[in-house]
PDB file of N, CA and C in Angstrom:
ATOM      1  N   MET A   1      45.561 122.534 101.841  1.00  0.00           N
ATOM      2  CA  MET A   1      44.179 122.740 102.243  1.00  0.00           C
ATOM      3  C   MET A   1      43.548 121.381 102.540  1.00  0.00           C
ATOM      4  N   GLN A   2      42.749 121.343 103.569  1.00  0.00           N
ATOM      5  CA  GLN A   2      42.065 120.102 103.956  1.00  0.00           C
ATOM      6  C   GLN A   2      41.039 119.739 102.893  1.00  0.00           C
ATOM      7  N   LYS A   3      41.051 118.489 102.459  1.00  0.00           N
ATOM      8  CA  LYS A   3      40.144 118.048 101.394  1.00  0.00           C
ATOM      9  C   LYS A   3      39.002 117.165 101.898  1.00  0.00           C
ATOM     10  N   ASN A   4      39.138 116.531 103.071  1.00  0.00           N
ATOM     11  CA  ASN A   4      38.095 115.654 103.593  1.00  0.00           C
ATOM     12  C   ASN A   4      36.940 116.502 104.126  1.00  0.00           C
ATOM     13  N   LYS A   5      35.892 116.602 103.339  1.00  0.00           N
ATOM     14  CA  LYS A   5      34.762 117.480 103.671  1.00  0.00           C
ATOM     15  C   LYS A   5      34.014 117.039 104.920  1.00  0.00           C
ATOM     16  N   GLU A   6      34.109 115.764 105.271  1.00  0.00           N
ATOM     17  CA  GLU A   6      33.343 115.226 106.399  1.00  0.00           C
ATOM     18  C   GLU A   6      33.872 115.700 107.749  1.00  0.00           C
ATOM     19  N   ASN A   7      35.130 116.087 107.832  1.00  0.00           N
ATOM     20  CA  ASN A   7      35.720 116.465 109.119  1.00  0.00           C
ATOM     21  C   ASN A   7      35.891 117.970 109.287  1.00  0.00           C
ATOM     22  N   ILE A   8      35.340 118.750 108.390  1.00  0.00           N
ATOM     23  CA  ILE A   8      35.453 120.204 108.480  1.00  0.00           C
ATOM     24  C   ILE A   8      34.354 120.723 109.406  1.00  0.00           C
ATOM     25  N   GLU A   9      34.745 121.594 110.314  1.00  0.00           N
ATOM     26  CA  GLU A   9      33.857 122.069 111.381  1.00  0.00           C
ATOM     27  C   GLU A   9      32.614 122.786 110.851  1.00  0.00           C
ATOM     28  N   TYR A  10      32.791 123.728 109.932  1.00  0.00           N
ATOM     29  CA  TYR A  10      31.675 124.552 109.473  1.00  0.00           C
ATOM     30  C   TYR A  10      31.295 124.257 108.033  1.00  0.00           C
ATOM     31  N   MET A  11      29.969 124.336 107.774  1.00  0.00           N
ATOM     32  CA  MET A  11      29.461 124.231 106.421  1.00  0.00           C
ATOM     33  C   MET A  11      28.446 125.347 106.193  1.00  0.00           C
ATOM     34  N   LEU A  12      28.678 126.126 105.149  1.00  0.00           N
ATOM     35  CA  LEU A  12      27.705 127.117 104.710  1.00  0.00           C
ATOM     36  C   LEU A  12      26.790 126.430 103.708  1.00  0.00           C
ATOM     37  N   LYS A  13      25.498 126.390 104.000  1.00  0.00           N
ATOM     38  CA  LYS A  13      24.517 125.816 103.077  1.00  0.00           C
ATOM     39  C   LYS A  13      23.692 126.961 102.517  1.00  0.00           C
ATOM     40  N   THR A  14      23.758 127.116 101.201  1.00  0.00           N
ATOM     41  CA  THR A  14      22.932 128.126 100.548  1.00  0.00           C
ATOM     42  C   THR A  14      21.907 127.424  99.679  1.00  0.00           C
ATOM     43  N   ASP A  15      20.694 127.925  99.706  1.00  0.00           N
ATOM     44  CA  ASP A  15      19.602 127.428  98.868  1.00  0.00           C
ATOM     45  C   ASP A  15      19.123 128.591  98.008  1.00  0.00           C
ATOM     46  N   GLY A  16      19.053 128.382  96.707  1.00  0.00           N
ATOM     47  CA  GLY A  16      18.541 129.429  95.840  1.00  0.00           C
ATOM     48  C   GLY A  16      19.072 129.303  94.439  1.00  0.00           C
ATOM     49  N   ASP A  17      18.687 130.273  93.610  1.00  0.00           N
ATOM     50  CA  ASP A  17      19.182 130.285  92.242  1.00  0.00           C
ATOM     51  C   ASP A  17      19.064 131.682  91.643  1.00  0.00           C
ATOM     52  N   ARG A  18      19.816 131.865  90.589  1.00  0.00           N
ATOM     53  CA  ARG A  18      19.858 133.154  89.892  1.00  0.00           C
ATOM     54  C   ARG A  18      18.505 133.482  89.258  1.00  0.00           C
ATOM     55  N   GLU A  19      17.824 132.448  88.753  1.00  0.00           N
ATOM     56  CA  GLU A  19      16.551 132.687  88.062  1.00  0.00           C
ATOM     57  C   GLU A  19      15.520 133.363  88.978  1.00  0.00           C
ATOM     58  N   SER A  20      15.382 132.859  90.185  1.00  0.00           N
ATOM     59  CA  SER A  20      14.399 133.436  91.117  1.00  0.00           C
ATOM     60  C   SER A  20      14.955 134.653  91.855  1.00  0.00           C
ATOM     61  N   GLY A  21      16.276 134.695  92.025  1.00  0.00           N
ATOM     62  CA  GLY A  21      16.897 135.782  92.790  1.00  0.00           C
ATOM     63  C   GLY A  21      16.701 135.629  94.289  1.00  0.00           C
ATOM     64  N   GLU A  22      16.198 134.474  94.715  1.00  0.00           N
ATOM     65  CA  GLU A  22      15.917 134.212  96.129  1.00  0.00           C
ATOM     66  C   GLU A  22      16.979 133.265  96.696  1.00  0.00           C
ATOM     67  N   TYR A  23      17.557 133.627  97.849  1.00  0.00           N
ATOM     68  CA  TYR A  23      18.574 132.793  98.495  1.00  0.00           C
ATOM     69  C   TYR A  23      18.363 132.775  99.998  1.00  0.00           C
ATOM     70  N   THR A  24      18.615 131.606 100.588  1.00  0.00           N
ATOM     71  CA  THR A  24      18.681 131.493 102.041  1.00  0.00           C
ATOM     72  C   THR A  24      20.059 130.935 102.376  1.00  0.00           C
ATOM     73  N   GLY A  25      20.511 131.192 103.586  1.00  0.00           N
ATOM     74  CA  GLY A  25      21.820 130.696 103.989  1.00  0.00           C
ATOM     75  C   GLY A  25      21.839 130.309 105.453  1.00  0.00           C
ATOM     76  N   GLN A  26      22.421 129.152 105.719  1.00  0.00           N
ATOM     77  CA  GLN A  26      22.562 128.663 107.086  1.00  0.00           C
ATOM     78  C   GLN A  26      24.013 128.227 107.293  1.00  0.00           C
ATOM     79  N   LEU A  27      24.532 128.510 108.465  1.00  0.00           N
ATOM     80  CA  LEU A  27      25.863 128.055 108.825  1.00  0.00           C
ATOM     81  C   LEU A  27      25.712 126.932 109.839  1.00  0.00           C
ATOM     82  N   MET A  28      26.217 125.768 109.450  1.00  0.00           N
ATOM     83  CA  MET A  28      26.132 124.583 110.287  1.00  0.00           C
ATOM     84  C   MET A  28      27.501 124.319 110.915  1.00  0.00           C
ATOM     85  N   ARG A  29      27.500 123.949 112.190  1.00  0.00           N
ATOM     86  CA  ARG A  29      28.733 123.559 112.867  1.00  0.00           C
ATOM     87  C   ARG A  29      28.595 122.098 113.261  1.00  0.00           C
ATOM     88  N   PHE A  30      29.385 121.242 112.635  1.00  0.00           N
ATOM     89  CA  PHE A  30      29.292 119.790 112.819  1.00  0.00           C
ATOM     90  C   PHE A  30      27.848 119.306 112.650  1.00  0.00           C
ATOM     91  N   GLY A  31      27.146 119.866 111.639  1.00  0.00           N
ATOM     92  CA  GLY A  31      25.799 119.422 111.298  1.00  0.00           C
ATOM     93  C   GLY A  31      24.677 120.054 112.092  1.00  0.00           C
ATOM     94  N   VAL A  32      25.001 120.957 113.018  1.00  0.00           N
ATOM     95  CA  VAL A  32      23.992 121.613 113.848  1.00  0.00           C
ATOM     96  C   VAL A  32      23.923 123.093 113.450  1.00  0.00           C
ATOM     97  N   LEU A  33      22.702 123.592 113.237  1.00  0.00           N
ATOM     98  CA  LEU A  33      22.521 124.986 112.846  1.00  0.00           C
ATOM     99  C   LEU A  33      23.103 125.913 113.910  1.00  0.00           C
ATOM    100  N   GLU A  34      24.024 126.783 113.489  1.00  0.00           N
ATOM    101  CA  GLU A  34      24.590 127.777 114.397  1.00  0.00           C
ATOM    102  C   GLU A  34      24.088 129.181 114.078  1.00  0.00           C
ATOM    103  N   GLU A  35      23.959 129.486 112.794  1.00  0.00           N
ATOM    104  CA  GLU A  35      23.555 130.837 112.401  1.00  0.00           C
ATOM    105  C   GLU A  35      22.732 130.761 111.124  1.00  0.00           C
ATOM    106  N   GLU A  36      21.661 131.544 111.090  1.00  0.00           N
ATOM    107  CA  GLU A  36      20.847 131.660 109.893  1.00  0.00           C
ATOM    108  C   GLU A  36      20.970 133.099 109.409  1.00  0.00           C
ATOM    109  N   PHE A  37      21.383 133.268 108.157  1.00  0.00           N
ATOM    110  CA  PHE A  37      21.605 134.602 107.623  1.00  0.00           C
ATOM    111  C   PHE A  37      20.321 135.155 107.027  1.00  0.00           C
ATOM    112  N   PRO A  38      20.195 136.493 106.995  1.00  0.00           N
ATOM    113  CA  PRO A  38      18.982 137.084 106.408  1.00  0.00           C
ATOM    114  C   PRO A  38      18.788 136.633 104.962  1.00  0.00           C
ATOM    115  N   ASP A  39      17.543 136.355 104.606  1.00  0.00           N
ATOM    116  CA  ASP A  39      17.232 135.937 103.239  1.00  0.00           C
ATOM    117  C   ASP A  39      17.594 137.044 102.250  1.00  0.00           C
ATOM    118  N   VAL A  40      17.993 136.624 101.067  1.00  0.00           N
ATOM    119  CA  VAL A  40      18.250 137.540  99.960  1.00  0.00           C
ATOM    120  C   VAL A  40      17.087 137.387  98.995  1.00  0.00           C
ATOM    121  N   THR A  41      16.497 138.506  98.587  1.00  0.00           N
ATOM    122  CA  THR A  41      15.382 138.460  97.646  1.00  0.00           C
ATOM    123  C   THR A  41      15.674 139.394  96.475  1.00  0.00           C
ATOM    124  N   ASP A  42      15.155 139.032  95.324  1.00  0.00           N
ATOM    125  CA  ASP A  42      15.252 139.835  94.116  1.00  0.00           C
ATOM    126  C   ASP A  42      16.697 140.243  93.789  1.00  0.00           C
ATOM    127  N   ASN A  43      17.616 139.289  93.943  1.00  0.00           N
ATOM    128  CA  ASN A  43      19.018 139.539  93.620  1.00  0.00           C
ATOM    129  C   ASN A  43      19.454 138.454  92.624  1.00  0.00           C
ATOM    130  N   HIS A  44      19.328 138.758  91.352  1.00  0.00           N
ATOM    131  CA  HIS A  44      19.546 137.761  90.303  1.00  0.00           C
ATOM    132  C   HIS A  44      21.010 137.609  89.894  1.00  0.00           C
ATOM    133  N   TYR A  45      21.885 138.475  90.369  1.00  0.00           N
ATOM    134  CA  TYR A  45      23.265 138.436  89.891  1.00  0.00           C
ATOM    135  C   TYR A  45      24.309 138.161  90.964  1.00  0.00           C
ATOM    136  N   CYS A  46      24.006 138.444  92.213  1.00  0.00           N
ATOM    137  CA  CYS A  46      25.053 138.211  93.228  1.00  0.00           C
ATOM    138  C   CYS A  46      24.484 137.761  94.574  1.00  0.00           C
ATOM    139  N   GLY A  47      23.345 137.074  94.550  1.00  0.00           N
ATOM    140  CA  GLY A  47      22.742 136.600  95.796  1.00  0.00           C
ATOM    141  C   GLY A  47      23.637 135.628  96.545  1.00  0.00           C
ATOM    142  N   ILE A  48      24.294 134.729  95.824  1.00  0.00           N
ATOM    143  CA  ILE A  48      25.177 133.766  96.477  1.00  0.00           C
ATOM    144  C   ILE A  48      26.392 134.474  97.069  1.00  0.00           C
ATOM    145  N   LYS A  49      26.844 135.525  96.403  1.00  0.00           N
ATOM    146  CA  LYS A  49      27.966 136.321  96.917  1.00  0.00           C
ATOM    147  C   LYS A  49      27.585 136.982  98.247  1.00  0.00           C
ATOM    148  N   VAL A  50      26.347 137.455  98.338  1.00  0.00           N
ATOM    149  CA  VAL A  50      25.858 138.075  99.578  1.00  0.00           C
ATOM    150  C   VAL A  50      25.913 137.051 100.722  1.00  0.00           C
ATOM    151  N   MET A  51      25.505 135.813 100.443  1.00  0.00           N
ATOM    152  CA  MET A  51      25.539 134.760 101.463  1.00  0.00           C
ATOM    153  C   MET A  51      26.974 134.424 101.867  1.00  0.00           C
ATOM    154  N   ARG A  52      27.871 134.351 100.895  1.00  0.00           N
ATOM    155  CA  ARG A  52      29.278 134.073 101.210  1.00  0.00           C
ATOM    156  C   ARG A  52      29.859 135.183 102.075  1.00  0.00           C
ATOM    157  N   GLN A  53      29.516 136.430 101.764  1.00  0.00           N
ATOM    158  CA  GLN A  53      30.019 137.559 102.537  1.00  0.00           C
ATOM    159  C   GLN A  53      29.469 137.530 103.958  1.00  0.00           C
ATOM    160  N   ALA A  54      28.199 137.177 104.122  1.00  0.00           N
ATOM    161  CA  ALA A  54      27.602 137.090 105.457  1.00  0.00           C
ATOM    162  C   ALA A  54      28.323 136.037 106.298  1.00  0.00           C
ATOM    163  N   CYS A  55      28.632 134.912 105.677  1.00  0.00           N
ATOM    164  CA  CYS A  55      29.355 133.840 106.373  1.00  0.00           C
ATOM    165  C   CYS A  55      30.760 134.315 106.750  1.00  0.00           C
ATOM    166  N   TYR A  56      31.429 134.949 105.812  1.00  0.00           N
ATOM    167  CA  TYR A  56      32.767 135.494 106.072  1.00  0.00           C
ATOM    168  C   TYR A  56      32.730 136.451 107.265  1.00  0.00           C
ATOM    169  N   ASP A  57      31.808 137.402 107.225  1.00  0.00           N
ATOM    170  CA  ASP A  57      31.712 138.401 108.301  1.00  0.00           C
ATOM    171  C   ASP A  57      31.448 137.731 109.649  1.00  0.00           C
ATOM    172  N   TYR A  58      30.580 136.749 109.662  1.00  0.00           N
ATOM    173  CA  TYR A  58      30.231 136.053 110.904  1.00  0.00           C
ATOM    174  C   TYR A  58      31.454 135.332 111.483  1.00  0.00           C
ATOM    175  N   LEU A  59      32.131 134.538 110.656  1.00  0.00           N
ATOM    176  CA  LEU A  59      33.270 133.759 111.167  1.00  0.00           C
ATOM    177  C   LEU A  59      34.481 134.633 111.471  1.00  0.00           C
ATOM    178  N   LYS A  60      34.692 135.685 110.698  1.00  0.00           N
ATOM    179  CA  LYS A  60      35.785 136.623 111.025  1.00  0.00           C
ATOM    180  C   LYS A  60      35.492 137.296 112.366  1.00  0.00           C
ATOM    181  N   GLY A  61      34.232 137.606 112.618  1.00  0.00           N
ATOM    182  CA  GLY A  61      33.836 138.204 113.888  1.00  0.00           C
ATOM    183  C   GLY A  61      34.074 137.280 115.074  1.00  0.00           C
ATOM    184  N   LYS A  62      34.133 135.980 114.810  1.00  0.00           N
ATOM    185  CA  LYS A  62      34.416 135.002 115.858  1.00  0.00           C
ATOM    186  C   LYS A  62      35.922 134.735 115.981  1.00  0.00           C
ATOM    187  N   GLY A  63      36.725 135.420 115.152  1.00  0.00           N
ATOM    188  CA  GLY A  63      38.175 135.323 115.277  1.00  0.00           C
ATOM    189  C   GLY A  63      38.865 134.347 114.334  1.00  0.00           C
ATOM    190  N   TYR A  64      38.134 133.785 113.373  1.00  0.00           N
ATOM    191  CA  TYR A  64      38.755 132.858 112.426  1.00  0.00           C
ATOM    192  C   TYR A  64      39.549 133.630 111.377  1.00  0.00           C
ATOM    193  N   SER A  65      40.640 133.030 110.901  1.00  0.00           N
ATOM    194  CA  SER A  65      41.524 133.691 109.937  1.00  0.00           C
ATOM    195  C   SER A  65      41.072 133.427 108.508  1.00  0.00           C
ATOM    196  N   ASP A  66      41.642 134.185 107.572  1.00  0.00           N
ATOM    197  CA  ASP A  66      41.287 134.037 106.156  1.00  0.00           C
ATOM    198  C   ASP A  66      41.665 132.675 105.590  1.00  0.00           C
ATOM    199  N   ASP A  67      42.596 131.953 106.221  1.00  0.00           N
ATOM    200  CA  ASP A  67      42.968 130.642 105.703  1.00  0.00           C
ATOM    201  C   ASP A  67      42.172 129.502 106.355  1.00  0.00           C
ATOM    202  N   TYR A  68      41.203 129.856 107.199  1.00  0.00           N
ATOM    203  CA  TYR A  68      40.331 128.863 107.817  1.00  0.00           C
ATOM    204  C   TYR A  68      39.457 128.215 106.735  1.00  0.00           C
ATOM    205  N   VAL A  69      39.298 126.895 106.790  1.00  0.00           N
ATOM    206  CA  VAL A  69      38.609 126.124 105.755  1.00  0.00           C
ATOM    207  C   VAL A  69      37.190 125.765 106.189  1.00  0.00           C
ATOM    208  N   ILE A  70      36.237 125.958 105.262  1.00  0.00           N
ATOM    209  CA  ILE A  70      34.853 125.534 105.470  1.00  0.00           C
ATOM    210  C   ILE A  70      34.376 124.804 104.215  1.00  0.00           C
ATOM    211  N   VAL A  71      33.206 124.181 104.321  1.00  0.00           N
ATOM    212  CA  VAL A  71      32.548 123.587 103.158  1.00  0.00           C
ATOM    213  C   VAL A  71      31.403 124.510 102.754  1.00  0.00           C
ATOM    214  N   HIS A  72      31.281 124.744 101.458  1.00  0.00           N
ATOM    215  CA  HIS A  72      30.136 125.478 100.936  1.00  0.00           C
ATOM    216  C   HIS A  72      29.280 124.490 100.147  1.00  0.00           C
ATOM    217  N   TYR A  73      28.045 124.298 100.612  1.00  0.00           N
ATOM    218  CA  TYR A  73      27.088 123.389  99.985  1.00  0.00           C
ATOM    219  C   TYR A  73      26.035 124.247  99.311  1.00  0.00           C
ATOM    220  N   CYS A  74      25.991 124.189  97.996  1.00  0.00           N
ATOM    221  CA  CYS A  74      25.120 125.050  97.203  1.00  0.00           C
ATOM    222  C   CYS A  74      23.960 124.229  96.647  1.00  0.00           C
ATOM    223  N   VAL A  75      22.749 124.497  97.134  1.00  0.00           N
ATOM    224  CA  VAL A  75      21.563 123.747  96.730  1.00  0.00           C
ATOM    225  C   VAL A  75      20.705 124.615  95.818  1.00  0.00           C
ATOM    226  N   LYS A  76      20.458 124.093  94.616  1.00  0.00           N
ATOM    227  CA  LYS A  76      19.580 124.780  93.671  1.00  0.00           C
ATOM    228  C   LYS A  76      18.256 124.031  93.629  1.00  0.00           C
ATOM    229  N   PRO A  77      17.122 124.722  93.842  1.00  0.00           N
ATOM    230  CA  PRO A  77      15.823 124.055  93.807  1.00  0.00           C
ATOM    231  C   PRO A  77      15.623 123.289  92.501  1.00  0.00           C
ATOM    232  N   GLY A  78      15.140 122.056  92.616  1.00  0.00           N
ATOM    233  CA  GLY A  78      14.853 121.238  91.463  1.00  0.00           C
ATOM    234  C   GLY A  78      16.041 120.441  90.933  1.00  0.00           C
ATOM    235  N   ARG A  79      17.225 120.708  91.429  1.00  0.00           N
ATOM    236  CA  ARG A  79      18.401 119.962  90.986  1.00  0.00           C
ATOM    237  C   ARG A  79      18.581 118.747  91.884  1.00  0.00           C
ATOM    238  N   SER A  80      19.031 117.635  91.317  1.00  0.00           N
ATOM    239  CA  SER A  80      19.234 116.431  92.125  1.00  0.00           C
ATOM    240  C   SER A  80      20.292 116.689  93.194  1.00  0.00           C
ATOM    241  N   GLU A  81      20.189 115.960  94.299  1.00  0.00           N
ATOM    242  CA  GLU A  81      21.147 116.147  95.387  1.00  0.00           C
ATOM    243  C   GLU A  81      22.577 115.927  94.913  1.00  0.00           C
ATOM    244  N   LYS A  82      22.780 114.947  94.038  1.00  0.00           N
ATOM    245  CA  LYS A  82      24.117 114.679  93.499  1.00  0.00           C
ATOM    246  C   LYS A  82      24.648 115.857  92.692  1.00  0.00           C
ATOM    247  N   GLY A  83      23.746 116.641  92.121  1.00  0.00           N
ATOM    248  CA  GLY A  83      24.153 117.793  91.313  1.00  0.00           C
ATOM    249  C   GLY A  83      24.461 119.042  92.112  1.00  0.00           C
ATOM    250  N   ASN A  84      24.160 119.021  93.414  1.00  0.00           N
ATOM    251  CA  ASN A  84      24.427 120.170  94.281  1.00  0.00           C
ATOM    252  C   ASN A  84      25.841 120.059  94.841  1.00  0.00           C
ATOM    253  N   PRO A  85      26.738 120.965  94.445  1.00  0.00           N
ATOM    254  CA  PRO A  85      28.136 120.812  94.838  1.00  0.00           C
ATOM    255  C   PRO A  85      28.406 121.127  96.308  1.00  0.00           C
ATOM    256  N   LYS A  86      29.339 120.362  96.874  1.00  0.00           N
ATOM    257  CA  LYS A  86      29.923 120.646  98.188  1.00  0.00           C
ATOM    258  C   LYS A  86      31.398 120.898  97.926  1.00  0.00           C
ATOM    259  N   GLU A  87      31.813 122.139  98.135  1.00  0.00           N
ATOM    260  CA  GLU A  87      33.181 122.526  97.816  1.00  0.00           C
ATOM    261  C   GLU A  87      33.885 123.072  99.044  1.00  0.00           C
ATOM    262  N   VAL A  88      35.187 122.857  99.090  1.00  0.00           N
ATOM    263  CA  VAL A  88      36.015 123.371 100.175  1.00  0.00           C
ATOM    264  C   VAL A  88      36.495 124.777  99.800  1.00  0.00           C
ATOM    265  N   TRP A  89      36.251 125.724 100.691  1.00  0.00           N
ATOM    266  CA  TRP A  89      36.657 127.120 100.497  1.00  0.00           C
ATOM    267  C   TRP A  89      37.405 127.589 101.746  1.00  0.00           C
ATOM    268  N   THR A  90      38.304 128.553 101.580  1.00  0.00           N
ATOM    269  CA  THR A  90      38.865 129.260 102.731  1.00  0.00           C
ATOM    270  C   THR A  90      37.995 130.499 102.955  1.00  0.00           C
ATOM    271  N   LEU A  91      38.089 131.082 104.145  1.00  0.00           N
ATOM    272  CA  LEU A  91      37.333 132.322 104.387  1.00  0.00           C
ATOM    273  C   LEU A  91      37.777 133.420 103.433  1.00  0.00           C
ATOM    274  N   GLY A  92      39.075 133.481 103.156  1.00  0.00           N
ATOM    275  CA  GLY A  92      39.569 134.490 102.220  1.00  0.00           C
ATOM    276  C   GLY A  92      38.957 134.340 100.842  1.00  0.00           C
ATOM    277  N   GLU A  93      38.790 133.094 100.392  1.00  0.00           N
ATOM    278  CA  GLU A  93      38.155 132.852  99.097  1.00  0.00           C
ATOM    279  C   GLU A  93      36.686 133.262  99.135  1.00  0.00           C
ATOM    280  N   LEU A  94      35.995 133.001 100.245  1.00  0.00           N
ATOM    281  CA  LEU A  94      34.600 133.426 100.369  1.00  0.00           C
ATOM    282  C   LEU A  94      34.498 134.939 100.236  1.00  0.00           C
ATOM    283  N   GLN A  95      35.406 135.638 100.904  1.00  0.00           N
ATOM    284  CA  GLN A  95      35.371 137.096 100.900  1.00  0.00           C
ATOM    285  C   GLN A  95      35.633 137.647  99.499  1.00  0.00           C
ATOM    286  N   LYS A  96      36.541 137.017  98.759  1.00  0.00           N
ATOM    287  CA  LYS A  96      36.846 137.450  97.383  1.00  0.00           C
ATOM    288  C   LYS A  96      35.794 136.935  96.392  1.00  0.00           C
ATOM    289  N   ASN A  97      35.011 135.944  96.833  1.00  0.00           N
ATOM    290  CA  ASN A  97      34.010 135.282  95.996  1.00  0.00           C
ATOM    291  C   ASN A  97      34.647 134.551  94.822  1.00  0.00           C
ATOM    292  N   GLU A  98      35.845 134.011  95.056  1.00  0.00           N
ATOM    293  CA  GLU A  98      36.501 133.179  94.048  1.00  0.00           C
ATOM    294  C   GLU A  98      37.492 132.280  94.723  1.00  0.00           C
ATOM    295  N   ARG A  99      37.657 131.097  94.151  1.00  0.00           N
ATOM    296  CA  ARG A  99      38.578 130.120  94.723  1.00  0.00           C
ATOM    297  C   ARG A  99      39.913 130.233  94.026  1.00  0.00           C
ATOM    298  N   ASP A 100      40.969 130.114  94.819  1.00  0.00           N
ATOM    299  CA  ASP A 100      42.337 130.166  94.265  1.00  0.00           C
ATOM    300  C   ASP A 100      42.694 128.888  93.559  1.00  0.00           C
TER     301      ASP A 100
END
């Protein structure tokens, strides 16, 4: 799996947290907004999963395979930028909502 996050074509950026149940999601292609997913509201247990699934559905619809690699950048309000993880995921992992 590709580990250099800087050269990966797509990045899913999610903003939100379990406490508020509010999430937004944007799919960036080389740093440029390509798709904005519908906001998730009042979902305290699986809002981030909803965003991952939306990203999966979008990229699968464009013909990408389950082993295609993206970066998932998870931003929690009030957390320092250094504390917001950027992780490498495959589309298959996004769909399962777990990393192998």
